[in-house]
């Protein structure tokens, strides 16, 4: 069993200036390199052998998914979208009912009118003004 390669993080400027050395380290199979720009991971450098292995594994996984799909009934995209919409409606309906029954407190929102800077409900009450 081969020892797993270590992942080394390198800033983009260093990767640019020392690309040849990094390629030799990666090609040996002992190191993977993650290149960061401003502290954000941008790209990973792996050996060609590891790249081929990753691609082969990925294709095998997709082949397995394709074999499974052949055994499933064919369903149109429109049917799938309708099922998703129906499921979302049920979830939203359950949330609204749950909020009304007291199991979960209903969210209250104070809507401030941009004209009067007071809650809308109080605009309809006579002689009630907010004082600043």
Protein backbone atom coordinates (compact mmCIF):
# COMPACT_ATOMS: atom_id res chain seq x y z
CA UNK A 1 0.00 0.00 0.00
CA UNK A 2 1.47 3.37 -1.03
CA UNK A 3 1.76 6.16 1.49
CA UNK A 4 -0.83 8.87 0.89
CA UNK A 5 0.48 12.10 -0.60
CA UNK A 6 0.63 15.13 1.67
CA UNK A 7 -1.15 18.31 0.61
CA UNK A 8 1.02 21.40 0.65
CA UNK A 9 -0.38 24.92 0.38
CA UNK A 10 1.59 27.43 -1.70
CA UNK A 11 0.89 31.11 -2.45
CA UNK A 12 0.29 31.89 -6.14
CA UNK A 13 3.41 34.06 -6.47
CA UNK A 14 5.64 31.27 -5.16
CA UNK A 15 3.93 28.75 -7.44
CA UNK A 16 4.60 31.01 -10.41
CA UNK A 17 8.26 31.51 -9.59
CA UNK A 18 8.98 27.89 -8.57
CA UNK A 19 6.71 25.94 -10.92
CA UNK A 20 9.47 23.62 -12.12
CA UNK A 21 10.43 22.55 -8.60
CA UNK A 22 6.77 22.12 -7.62
CA UNK A 23 6.16 19.95 -10.71
CA UNK A 24 9.07 17.67 -9.75
CA UNK A 25 7.76 17.30 -6.18
CA UNK A 26 4.24 16.54 -7.38
CA UNK A 27 5.42 14.12 -10.08
CA UNK A 28 7.19 12.03 -7.42
CA UNK A 29 3.76 11.31 -5.96
CA UNK A 30 4.67 12.36 -2.41
CA UNK A 31 3.04 15.79 -2.48
CA UNK A 32 -0.10 17.46 -3.80
CA UNK A 33 -0.06 21.24 -4.04
CA UNK A 34 -2.94 23.60 -3.37
CA UNK A 35 -2.27 27.06 -4.83
CA UNK A 36 -3.85 29.99 -2.98
CA UNK A 37 -4.39 33.55 -4.10
CA UNK A 38 -4.97 36.04 -1.28
CA UNK A 39 -5.53 33.10 1.08
CA UNK A 40 -8.27 31.57 -1.11
CA UNK A 41 -7.60 28.12 -2.63
CA UNK A 42 -7.67 28.51 -6.41
CA UNK A 43 -6.22 25.34 -8.01
CA UNK A 44 -4.77 22.02 -7.05
CA UNK A 45 -1.76 20.41 -8.68
CA UNK A 46 -1.63 16.60 -8.74
CA UNK A 47 0.56 14.14 -10.62
CA UNK A 48 -0.47 12.82 -14.02
CA UNK A 49 -0.84 9.30 -12.56
CA UNK A 50 -3.16 10.55 -9.83
CA UNK A 51 -5.12 12.57 -12.39
CA UNK A 52 -5.64 9.45 -14.55
CA UNK A 53 -6.74 7.49 -11.47
CA UNK A 54 -9.26 10.19 -10.49
CA UNK A 55 -10.69 10.32 -14.03
CA UNK A 56 -10.96 6.52 -14.23
CA UNK A 57 -12.74 6.34 -10.84
CA UNK A 58 -15.10 9.14 -11.87
CA UNK A 59 -16.02 7.39 -15.12
CA UNK A 60 -16.63 4.14 -13.22
CA UNK A 61 -18.99 5.95 -10.84
CA UNK A 62 -20.92 7.50 -13.71
CA UNK A 63 -21.14 4.09 -15.40
CA UNK A 64 -22.70 2.71 -12.21
CA UNK A 65 -25.19 5.58 -12.15
CA UNK A 66 -26.07 4.93 -15.80
CA UNK A 67 -26.67 1.23 -15.04
CA UNK A 68 -28.99 2.17 -12.17
CA UNK A 69 -30.88 4.66 -14.36
CA UNK A 70 -31.57 1.97 -16.96
CA UNK A 71 -33.49 -0.01 -14.35
CA UNK A 72 -35.53 2.99 -13.18
CA UNK A 73 -38.72 4.00 -14.97
CA UNK A 74 -38.29 6.93 -17.34
CA UNK A 75 -39.80 10.13 -15.97
CA UNK A 76 -40.05 13.39 -17.88
CA UNK A 77 -38.40 16.56 -16.63
CA UNK A 78 -41.84 18.21 -16.35
CA UNK A 79 -43.05 15.46 -13.99
CA UNK A 80 -39.97 15.83 -11.81
CA UNK A 81 -40.41 19.61 -11.63
CA UNK A 82 -44.09 19.21 -10.71
CA UNK A 83 -43.23 16.71 -7.95
CA UNK A 84 -40.65 19.14 -6.56
CA UNK A 85 -43.18 22.01 -6.60
CA UNK A 86 -45.79 19.84 -4.84
CA UNK A 87 -43.30 18.76 -2.18
CA UNK A 88 -42.27 22.38 -1.54
CA UNK A 89 -45.91 23.44 -1.23
CA UNK A 90 -46.49 20.72 1.37
CA UNK A 91 -43.46 21.83 3.38
CA UNK A 92 -44.54 25.49 3.28
CA UNK A 93 -48.09 24.51 4.24
CA UNK A 94 -46.82 22.49 7.23
CA UNK A 95 -44.68 25.41 8.37
CA UNK A 96 -47.61 27.84 8.20
CA UNK A 97 -49.90 25.47 10.12
CA UNK A 98 -47.22 24.76 12.70
CA UNK A 99 -46.81 28.51 13.31
CA UNK A 100 -50.58 29.02 13.81
CA UNK A 101 -51.09 26.16 16.24
CA UNK A 102 -48.63 27.50 18.78
CA UNK A 103 -46.02 24.76 18.43
CA UNK A 104 -43.71 27.26 16.87
CA UNK A 105 -44.11 30.98 17.40
CA UNK A 106 -45.28 32.83 14.32
CA UNK A 107 -42.82 35.40 13.07
CA UNK A 108 -43.93 38.99 13.57
CA UNK A 109 -42.66 41.65 11.30
CA UNK A 110 -43.05 45.35 11.87
CA UNK A 111 -43.44 47.04 8.56
CA UNK A 112 -42.26 50.63 8.70
CA UNK A 113 -43.75 53.03 6.24
CA UNK A 114 -41.12 55.16 4.53
CA UNK A 115 -43.43 58.19 4.61
CA UNK A 116 -44.40 58.41 8.28
CA UNK A 117 -41.67 56.33 9.97
CA UNK A 118 -44.19 54.47 12.09
CA UNK A 119 -45.71 50.99 11.91
CA UNK A 120 -48.49 50.74 9.33
CA UNK A 121 -51.09 49.51 11.80
CA UNK A 122 -50.70 52.66 13.89
CA UNK A 123 -51.33 54.91 10.86
CA UNK A 124 -54.95 53.84 10.94
CA UNK A 125 -55.47 54.65 14.62
CA UNK A 126 -56.71 58.22 15.12
CA UNK A 127 -54.48 60.72 16.95
CA UNK A 128 -51.70 58.19 17.58
CA UNK A 129 -48.33 59.58 16.55
CA UNK A 130 -44.87 58.46 17.37
CA UNK A 131 -42.73 61.11 18.97
CA UNK A 132 -39.01 61.25 18.50
